[in-house]
Amino acid sequence: MAIVLCISPAGTSPLGALDALGHQLIQVTFDPQSLSESPRHDLVLLDCRHDLMGAKSVARILSAAGWTKPLMLVANESVLAAVNAEWGLHDFVLEGASLAEVDARLRILLDAKQATAPALNQETGLVINLDSYVAKMAGQTLDLTFKEFELLRHLNENPGRVFTREQLLSEVWGYDYFGGTRTVDVHIRRLRSKLGEHESLIGTVRNVGYRLDPERQEADISSPAANPQL
């Protein structure tokens, strides 16, 4: 059974006695401090029935903090028109749904999450684990900061695509980041250093930006100059 984090204005379960289904419930309020102190859990229930704007703010906080657990909204018909992909939700359920329906939806979300377990990206050779925030290259764990991990993850999801520094600032650091583009250069330099012999995986496109370049990586590794022992 799952550990379910219930987030509601009153800090109570929005779907009744889920523990009757064998799930363990953790109940917190919309307070950011409560969210930051939340223990480990498998899935999030976010109550948006009576405080729509507050719930949407919570959803944005979860997204900005990089939470990766499945998110299910608990809604009523009066707020459905305001629910869209911007919430970052994986599913929603209407208040008053039977426990059998809720249990089925929870199981489907958890099964889908397990199906997306970390796997080798055949193009880049990287393994990215979004649950543990661990990245591996050629079987070796990379010692990355949170932003280095997020930057590498973003590049790894789009191998071959060229990103300008401004795009990376917006998509990795967020639209509200006020630092300069030099921040991107610094993080790219650190990532290359930590990739070691695989540093050429991150390519520079002069006067444009950066990209993950699997073909260049293969060429560098296979060349006699890069491998004196060959």
C-alpha atoms as a PDB file:
ATOM      1  CA  MET A   1       0.000   0.000   0.000  1.00  0.00           C
ATOM      2  CA  ALA A   2       1.009   3.615  -0.472  1.00  0.00           C
ATOM      3  CA  ILE A   3       2.109   6.458   1.769  1.00  0.00           C
ATOM      4  CA  VAL A   4      -0.233   9.269   0.730  1.00  0.00           C
ATOM      5  CA  LEU A   5       0.519  12.916   1.488  1.00  0.00           C
ATOM      6  CA  CYS A   6      -2.773  14.807   1.824  1.00  0.00           C
ATOM      7  CA  ILE A   7      -2.425  18.585   1.402  1.00  0.00           C
ATOM      8  CA  SER A   8      -5.516  20.580   2.321  1.00  0.00           C
ATOM      9  CA  PRO A   9      -6.315  23.960   3.912  1.00  0.00           C
ATOM     10  CA  ALA A  10      -7.417  22.256   7.136  1.00  0.00           C
ATOM     11  CA  GLY A  11      -4.755  19.553   7.138  1.00  0.00           C
ATOM     12  CA  THR A  12      -7.310  16.753   6.839  1.00  0.00           C
ATOM     13  CA  SER A  13      -7.950  14.037   4.278  1.00  0.00           C
ATOM     14  CA  PRO A  14     -10.173  15.356   1.451  1.00  0.00           C
ATOM     15  CA  LEU A  15     -11.343  11.845   0.594  1.00  0.00           C
ATOM     16  CA  GLY A  16     -12.374  10.343   3.880  1.00  0.00           C
ATOM     17  CA  ALA A  17     -10.964   7.211   5.450  1.00  0.00           C
ATOM     18  CA  LEU A  18      -8.260   6.240   2.966  1.00  0.00           C
ATOM     19  CA  ASP A  19      -6.523   4.389   5.763  1.00  0.00           C
ATOM     20  CA  ALA A  20      -9.408   1.918   5.600  1.00  0.00           C
ATOM     21  CA  LEU A  21      -7.880   0.802   2.290  1.00  0.00           C
ATOM     22  CA  GLY A  22      -4.568   0.140   3.986  1.00  0.00           C
ATOM     23  CA  HIS A  23      -2.851   3.351   2.856  1.00  0.00           C
ATOM     24  CA  GLN A  24      -0.792   5.359   5.317  1.00  0.00           C
ATOM     25  CA  LEU A  25      -1.930   8.994   5.459  1.00  0.00           C
ATOM     26  CA  ILE A  26       0.197  12.057   6.159  1.00  0.00           C
ATOM     27  CA  GLN A  27      -1.871  15.228   6.503  1.00  0.00           C
ATOM     28  CA  VAL A  28      -0.442  18.745   6.131  1.00  0.00           C
ATOM     29  CA  THR A  29      -1.759  22.238   5.422  1.00  0.00           C
ATOM     30  CA  PHE A  30      -0.935  24.702   2.632  1.00  0.00           C
ATOM     31  CA  ASP A  31       1.718  26.292   4.853  1.00  0.00           C
ATOM     32  CA  PRO A  32       5.103  26.211   3.015  1.00  0.00           C
ATOM     33  CA  GLN A  33       6.856  25.187   6.234  1.00  0.00           C
ATOM     34  CA  SER A  34       4.589  22.151   6.543  1.00  0.00           C
ATOM     35  CA  LEU A  35       5.320  21.225   2.945  1.00  0.00           C
ATOM     36  CA  SER A  36       9.081  21.524   3.379  1.00  0.00           C
ATOM     37  CA  GLU A  37       8.985  19.242   6.426  1.00  0.00           C
ATOM     38  CA  SER A  38       6.852  16.550   4.783  1.00  0.00           C
ATOM     39  CA  PRO A  39       8.297  13.050   5.264  1.00  0.00           C
ATOM     40  CA  ARG A  40       8.827  10.504   2.510  1.00  0.00           C
ATOM     41  CA  HIS A  41       5.681   9.582   0.598  1.00  0.00           C
ATOM     42  CA  ASP A  42       4.596   7.831  -2.596  1.00  0.00           C
ATOM     43  CA  LEU A  43       1.799  10.067  -3.860  1.00  0.00           C
ATOM     44  CA  VAL A  44       0.257  13.504  -3.234  1.00  0.00           C
ATOM     45  CA  LEU A  45      -3.424  14.391  -2.872  1.00  0.00           C
ATOM     46  CA  LEU A  46      -4.010  18.142  -3.234  1.00  0.00           C
ATOM     47  CA  ASP A  47      -7.384  19.498  -2.113  1.00  0.00           C
ATOM     48  CA  CYS A  48      -8.504  22.331  -4.402  1.00  0.00           C
ATOM     49  CA  ARG A  49     -12.219  22.262  -3.575  1.00  0.00           C
ATOM     50  CA  HIS A  50     -12.526  25.303  -1.308  1.00  0.00           C
ATOM     51  CA  ASP A  51      -9.339  27.352  -1.833  1.00  0.00           C
ATOM     52  CA  LEU A  52      -8.586  27.210  -5.524  1.00  0.00           C
ATOM     53  CA  MET A  53      -5.900  29.916  -5.610  1.00  0.00           C
ATOM     54  CA  GLY A  54      -4.200  28.573  -2.508  1.00  0.00           C
ATOM     55  CA  ALA A  55      -4.114  25.078  -4.001  1.00  0.00           C
ATOM     56  CA  LYS A  56      -2.698  26.377  -7.272  1.00  0.00           C
ATOM     57  CA  SER A  57       0.041  28.188  -5.344  1.00  0.00           C
ATOM     58  CA  VAL A  58       0.891  24.925  -3.604  1.00  0.00           C
ATOM     59  CA  ALA A  59       1.060  23.136  -6.973  1.00  0.00           C
ATOM     60  CA  ARG A  60       3.510  25.781  -8.210  1.00  0.00           C
ATOM     61  CA  ILE A  61       5.635  25.369  -5.085  1.00  0.00           C
ATOM     62  CA  LEU A  62       5.782  21.603  -5.635  1.00  0.00           C
ATOM     63  CA  SER A  63       6.790  22.093  -9.267  1.00  0.00           C
ATOM     64  CA  ALA A  64       9.435  24.706  -8.450  1.00  0.00           C
ATOM     65  CA  ALA A  65      10.874  22.453  -5.741  1.00  0.00           C
ATOM     66  CA  GLY A  66      11.240  19.600  -8.222  1.00  0.00           C
ATOM     67  CA  TRP A  67       8.774  17.216  -6.576  1.00  0.00           C
ATOM     68  CA  THR A  68       8.380  14.140  -8.785  1.00  0.00           C
ATOM     69  CA  LYS A  69       5.753  12.125  -6.945  1.00  0.00           C
ATOM     70  CA  PRO A  70       2.402  11.621  -8.717  1.00  0.00           C
ATOM     71  CA  LEU A  71      -0.051  14.453  -7.982  1.00  0.00           C
ATOM     72  CA  MET A  72      -3.802  13.884  -7.815  1.00  0.00           C
ATOM     73  CA  LEU A  73      -6.173  16.813  -7.372  1.00  0.00           C
ATOM     74  CA  VAL A  74      -9.343  16.461  -5.333  1.00  0.00           C
ATOM     75  CA  ALA A  75     -11.895  18.764  -6.948  1.00  0.00           C
ATOM     76  CA  ASN A  76     -15.569  19.538  -7.189  1.00  0.00           C
ATOM     77  CA  GLU A  77     -17.459  20.497 -10.330  1.00  0.00           C
ATOM     78  CA  SER A  78     -17.334  24.220  -9.521  1.00  0.00           C
ATOM     79  CA  VAL A  79     -13.524  24.365  -9.910  1.00  0.00           C
ATOM     80  CA  LEU A  80     -13.030  21.982 -12.836  1.00  0.00           C
ATOM     81  CA  ALA A  81     -12.968  24.807 -15.392  1.00  0.00           C
ATOM     82  CA  ALA A  82      -9.804  26.160 -13.732  1.00  0.00           C
ATOM     83  CA  VAL A  83      -7.937  22.837 -13.723  1.00  0.00           C
ATOM     84  CA  ASN A  84      -5.404  22.417 -16.534  1.00  0.00           C
ATOM     85  CA  ALA A  85      -1.907  21.134 -17.282  1.00  0.00           C
ATOM     86  CA  GLU A  86      -0.294  24.109 -15.509  1.00  0.00           C
ATOM     87  CA  TRP A  87      -1.081  22.384 -12.220  1.00  0.00           C
ATOM     88  CA  GLY A  88       1.346  19.595 -13.037  1.00  0.00           C
ATOM     89  CA  LEU A  89      -1.279  17.022 -12.080  1.00  0.00           C
ATOM     90  CA  HIS A  90      -1.287  13.374 -13.098  1.00  0.00           C
ATOM     91  CA  ASP A  91      -4.965  12.748 -12.359  1.00  0.00           C
ATOM     92  CA  PHE A  92      -7.964  14.211 -10.520  1.00  0.00           C
ATOM     93  CA  VAL A  93     -10.923  12.818  -8.655  1.00  0.00           C
ATOM     94  CA  LEU A  94     -14.219  14.441  -7.701  1.00  0.00           C
ATOM     95  CA  GLU A  95     -15.228  14.722  -4.071  1.00  0.00           C
ATOM     96  CA  GLY A  96     -17.741  12.071  -3.109  1.00  0.00           C
ATOM     97  CA  ALA A  97     -16.040   9.403  -5.236  1.00  0.00           C
ATOM     98  CA  SER A  98     -16.291   5.924  -3.761  1.00  0.00           C
ATOM     99  CA  LEU A  99     -13.307   4.492  -1.943  1.00  0.00           C
ATOM    100  CA  ALA A 100     -13.137   1.766  -4.602  1.00  0.00           C
ATOM    101  CA  GLU A 101     -12.729   4.370  -7.354  1.00  0.00           C
ATOM    102  CA  VAL A 102     -10.143   6.323  -5.358  1.00  0.00           C
ATOM    103  CA  ASP A 103      -8.189   3.164  -4.639  1.00  0.00           C
ATOM    104  CA  ALA A 104      -8.187   2.193  -8.327  1.00  0.00           C
ATOM    105  CA  ARG A 105      -6.929   5.658  -9.355  1.00  0.00           C
ATOM    106  CA  LEU A 106      -4.183   5.545  -6.745  1.00  0.00           C
ATOM    107  CA  ARG A 107      -3.038   2.116  -7.896  1.00  0.00           C
ATOM    108  CA  ILE A 108      -2.945   3.212 -11.540  1.00  0.00           C
ATOM    109  CA  LEU A 109      -0.819   6.246 -10.675  1.00  0.00           C
ATOM    110  CA  LEU A 110       1.596   4.195  -8.618  1.00  0.00           C
ATOM    111  CA  ASP A 111       1.879   1.506 -11.298  1.00  0.00           C
ATOM    112  CA  ALA A 112       2.589   4.180 -13.925  1.00  0.00           C
ATOM    113  CA  LYS A 113       5.283   5.689 -11.710  1.00  0.00           C
ATOM    114  CA  GLN A 114       6.976   2.317 -11.295  1.00  0.00           C
ATOM    115  CA  ALA A 115       6.876   1.813 -15.061  1.00  0.00           C
ATOM    116  CA  THR A 116       8.960   4.965 -15.503  1.00  0.00           C
ATOM    117  CA  ALA A 117      11.851   3.674 -13.398  1.00  0.00           C
ATOM    118  CA  PRO A 118      15.272   5.063 -14.339  1.00  0.00           C
ATOM    119  CA  ALA A 119      16.616   3.589 -17.549  1.00  0.00           C
ATOM    120  CA  LEU A 120      19.688   3.976 -19.673  1.00  0.00           C
ATOM    121  CA  ASN A 121      19.412   6.633 -22.366  1.00  0.00           C
ATOM    122  CA  GLN A 122      20.925   4.719 -25.278  1.00  0.00           C
ATOM    123  CA  GLU A 123      21.870   7.928 -27.086  1.00  0.00           C
ATOM    124  CA  THR A 124      23.790   9.556 -24.255  1.00  0.00           C
ATOM    125  CA  GLY A 125      24.814   6.693 -21.962  1.00  0.00           C
ATOM    126  CA  LEU A 126      23.316   8.513 -18.978  1.00  0.00           C
ATOM    127  CA  VAL A 127      21.020   7.075 -16.314  1.00  0.00           C
ATOM    128  CA  ILE A 128      18.867   9.689 -14.569  1.00  0.00           C
ATOM    129  CA  ASN A 129      16.880   8.694 -11.463  1.00  0.00           C
ATOM    130  CA  LEU A 130      14.250  11.345 -10.706  1.00  0.00           C
ATOM    131  CA  ASP A 131      13.224   9.717  -7.420  1.00  0.00           C
ATOM    132  CA  SER A 132      16.669   9.711  -5.819  1.00  0.00           C
ATOM    133  CA  TYR A 133      18.189  12.587  -7.814  1.00  0.00           C
ATOM    134  CA  VAL A 134      21.090  10.379  -8.825  1.00  0.00           C
ATOM    135  CA  ALA A 135      22.780  10.503 -12.230  1.00  0.00           C
ATOM    136  CA  LYS A 136      25.189   7.863 -13.501  1.00  0.00           C
ATOM    137  CA  MET A 137      27.532   7.790 -16.458  1.00  0.00           C
ATOM    138  CA  ALA A 138      29.083   4.488 -17.556  1.00  0.00           C
ATOM    139  CA  GLY A 139      27.968   2.980 -14.252  1.00  0.00           C
ATOM    140  CA  GLN A 140      29.646   5.674 -12.147  1.00  0.00           C
ATOM    141  CA  THR A 141      27.568   7.945  -9.892  1.00  0.00           C
ATOM    142  CA  LEU A 142      28.100  11.655 -10.578  1.00  0.00           C
ATOM    143  CA  ASP A 143      28.450  13.912  -7.534  1.00  0.00           C
ATOM    144  CA  LEU A 144      26.063  16.687  -8.615  1.00  0.00           C
ATOM    145  CA  THR A 145      24.386  19.612  -6.912  1.00  0.00           C
ATOM    146  CA  PHE A 146      20.635  19.990  -7.390  1.00  0.00           C
ATOM    147  CA  LYS A 147      20.973  22.542 -10.215  1.00  0.00           C
ATOM    148  CA  GLU A 148      23.718  20.548 -11.916  1.00  0.00           C
ATOM    149  CA  PHE A 149      21.413  17.518 -11.808  1.00  0.00           C
ATOM    150  CA  GLU A 150      18.488  19.519 -13.217  1.00  0.00           C
ATOM    151  CA  LEU A 151      20.630  20.977 -15.998  1.00  0.00           C
ATOM    152  CA  LEU A 152      21.995  17.561 -16.982  1.00  0.00           C
ATOM    153  CA  ARG A 153      18.514  16.025 -16.824  1.00  0.00           C
ATOM    154  CA  HIS A 154      17.130  18.746 -19.096  1.00  0.00           C
ATOM    155  CA  LEU A 155      19.892  18.291 -21.660  1.00  0.00           C
ATOM    156  CA  ASN A 156      19.588  14.495 -21.461  1.00  0.00           C
ATOM    157  CA  GLU A 157      15.886  14.642 -22.255  1.00  0.00           C
ATOM    158  CA  ASN A 158      16.667  16.568 -25.448  1.00  0.00           C
ATOM    159  CA  PRO A 159      19.863  15.050 -26.911  1.00  0.00           C
ATOM    160  CA  GLY A 160      21.128  16.951 -29.941  1.00  0.00           C
ATOM    161  CA  ARG A 161      18.916  19.981 -29.329  1.00  0.00           C
ATOM    162  CA  VAL A 162      20.773  23.271 -29.023  1.00  0.00           C
ATOM    163  CA  PHE A 163      19.763  25.495 -26.106  1.00  0.00           C
ATOM    164  CA  THR A 164      20.718  29.125 -25.767  1.00  0.00           C
ATOM    165  CA  ARG A 165      21.876  30.286 -22.359  1.00  0.00           C
ATOM    166  CA  GLU A 166      18.656  32.285 -22.008  1.00  0.00           C
ATOM    167  CA  GLN A 167      16.559  29.183 -22.714  1.00  0.00           C
ATOM    168  CA  LEU A 168      18.424  27.163 -20.105  1.00  0.00           C
ATOM    169  CA  LEU A 169      18.027  29.927 -17.528  1.00  0.00           C
ATOM    170  CA  SER A 170      14.296  30.034 -18.187  1.00  0.00           C
ATOM    171  CA  GLU A 171      13.686  26.275 -18.359  1.00  0.00           C
ATOM    172  CA  VAL A 172      16.044  25.062 -15.614  1.00  0.00           C
ATOM    173  CA  TRP A 173      16.369  27.988 -13.216  1.00  0.00           C
ATOM    174  CA  GLY A 174      12.862  29.369 -13.799  1.00  0.00           C
ATOM    175  CA  TYR A 175      11.403  32.579 -15.144  1.00  0.00           C
ATOM    176  CA  ASP A 176      11.862  34.349 -11.791  1.00  0.00           C
ATOM    177  CA  TYR A 177      15.654  33.831 -11.676  1.00  0.00           C
ATOM    178  CA  PHE A 178      17.478  37.161 -11.802  1.00  0.00           C
ATOM    179  CA  GLY A 179      21.056  35.968 -12.302  1.00  0.00           C
ATOM    180  CA  GLY A 180      23.000  36.429 -15.533  1.00  0.00           C
ATOM    181  CA  THR A 181      23.717  33.900 -18.256  1.00  0.00           C
ATOM    182  CA  ARG A 182      27.214  33.365 -16.859  1.00  0.00           C
ATOM    183  CA  THR A 183      25.526  31.089 -14.304  1.00  0.00           C
ATOM    184  CA  VAL A 184      24.857  28.634 -17.137  1.00  0.00           C
ATOM    185  CA  ASP A 185      28.500  28.701 -18.255  1.00  0.00           C
ATOM    186  CA  VAL A 186      29.690  28.000 -14.706  1.00  0.00           C
ATOM    187  CA  HIS A 187      27.361  25.022 -14.302  1.00  0.00           C
ATOM    188  CA  ILE A 188      28.279  23.618 -17.720  1.00  0.00           C
ATOM    189  CA  ARG A 189      31.971  23.851 -16.811  1.00  0.00           C
ATOM    190  CA  ARG A 190      31.331  22.018 -13.527  1.00  0.00           C
ATOM    191  CA  LEU A 191      29.280  19.329 -15.260  1.00  0.00           C
ATOM    192  CA  ARG A 192      32.043  18.703 -17.793  1.00  0.00           C
ATOM    193  CA  SER A 193      34.561  18.415 -15.003  1.00  0.00           C
ATOM    194  CA  LYS A 194      32.427  15.842 -13.194  1.00  0.00           C
ATOM    195  CA  LEU A 195      31.839  13.868 -16.397  1.00  0.00           C
ATOM    196  CA  GLY A 196      35.616  13.418 -16.637  1.00  0.00           C
ATOM    197  CA  GLU A 197      36.575  11.480 -19.756  1.00  0.00           C
ATOM    198  CA  HIS A 198      32.997  11.928 -21.003  1.00  0.00           C
ATOM    199  CA  GLU A 199      33.137  15.739 -20.841  1.00  0.00           C
ATOM    200  CA  SER A 200      32.751  16.027 -24.619  1.00  0.00           C
ATOM    201  CA  LEU A 201      29.182  14.754 -24.219  1.00  0.00           C
ATOM    202  CA  ILE A 202      28.230  18.392 -23.584  1.00  0.00           C
ATOM    203  CA  GLY A 203      29.007  20.287 -26.766  1.00  0.00           C
ATOM    204  CA  THR A 204      29.310  24.025 -27.333  1.00  0.00           C
ATOM    205  CA  VAL A 205      27.670  25.630 -30.370  1.00  0.00           C
ATOM    206  CA  ARG A 206      29.661  28.808 -30.884  1.00  0.00           C
ATOM    207  CA  ASN A 207      27.690  32.028 -30.404  1.00  0.00           C
ATOM    208  CA  VAL A 208      24.535  30.030 -29.650  1.00  0.00           C
ATOM    209  CA  GLY A 209      24.692  27.797 -26.582  1.00  0.00           C
ATOM    210  CA  TYR A 210      24.999  24.167 -25.527  1.00  0.00           C
ATOM    211  CA  ARG A 211      23.699  20.734 -26.386  1.00  0.00           C
ATOM    212  CA  LEU A 212      24.192  17.111 -25.423  1.00  0.00           C
ATOM    213  CA  ASP A 213      26.137  15.665 -28.339  1.00  0.00           C
ATOM    214  CA  PRO A 214      26.239  11.826 -28.191  1.00  0.00           C
ATOM    215  CA  GLU A 215      27.907  11.513 -31.621  1.00  0.00           C
ATOM    216  CA  ARG A 216      30.790  13.767 -30.654  1.00  0.00           C
ATOM    217  CA  GLN A 217      31.162  11.838 -27.393  1.00  0.00           C
ATOM    218  CA  GLU A 218      31.492   8.535 -29.273  1.00  0.00           C
ATOM    219  CA  ALA A 219      34.000   9.993 -31.723  1.00  0.00           C
ATOM    220  CA  ASP A 220      36.189  11.386 -28.936  1.00  0.00           C
ATOM    221  CA  ILE A 221      36.193   8.148 -26.935  1.00  0.00           C
ATOM    222  CA  SER A 222      36.992   5.983 -29.956  1.00  0.00           C
ATOM    223  CA  SER A 223      39.827   8.151 -31.322  1.00  0.00           C
ATOM    224  CA  PRO A 224      43.454   7.028 -30.639  1.00  0.00           C
ATOM    225  CA  ALA A 225      44.279  10.547 -29.429  1.00  0.00           C
ATOM    226  CA  ALA A 226      41.693  10.283 -26.700  1.00  0.00           C
ATOM    227  CA  ASN A 227      42.763   6.733 -25.826  1.00  0.00           C
ATOM    228  CA  PRO A 228      46.569   6.426 -25.765  1.00  0.00           C
ATOM    229  CA  GLN A 229      46.328   2.718 -24.932  1.00  0.00           C
ATOM    230  CA  LEU A 230      44.714   1.916 -28.317  1.00  0.00           C
END
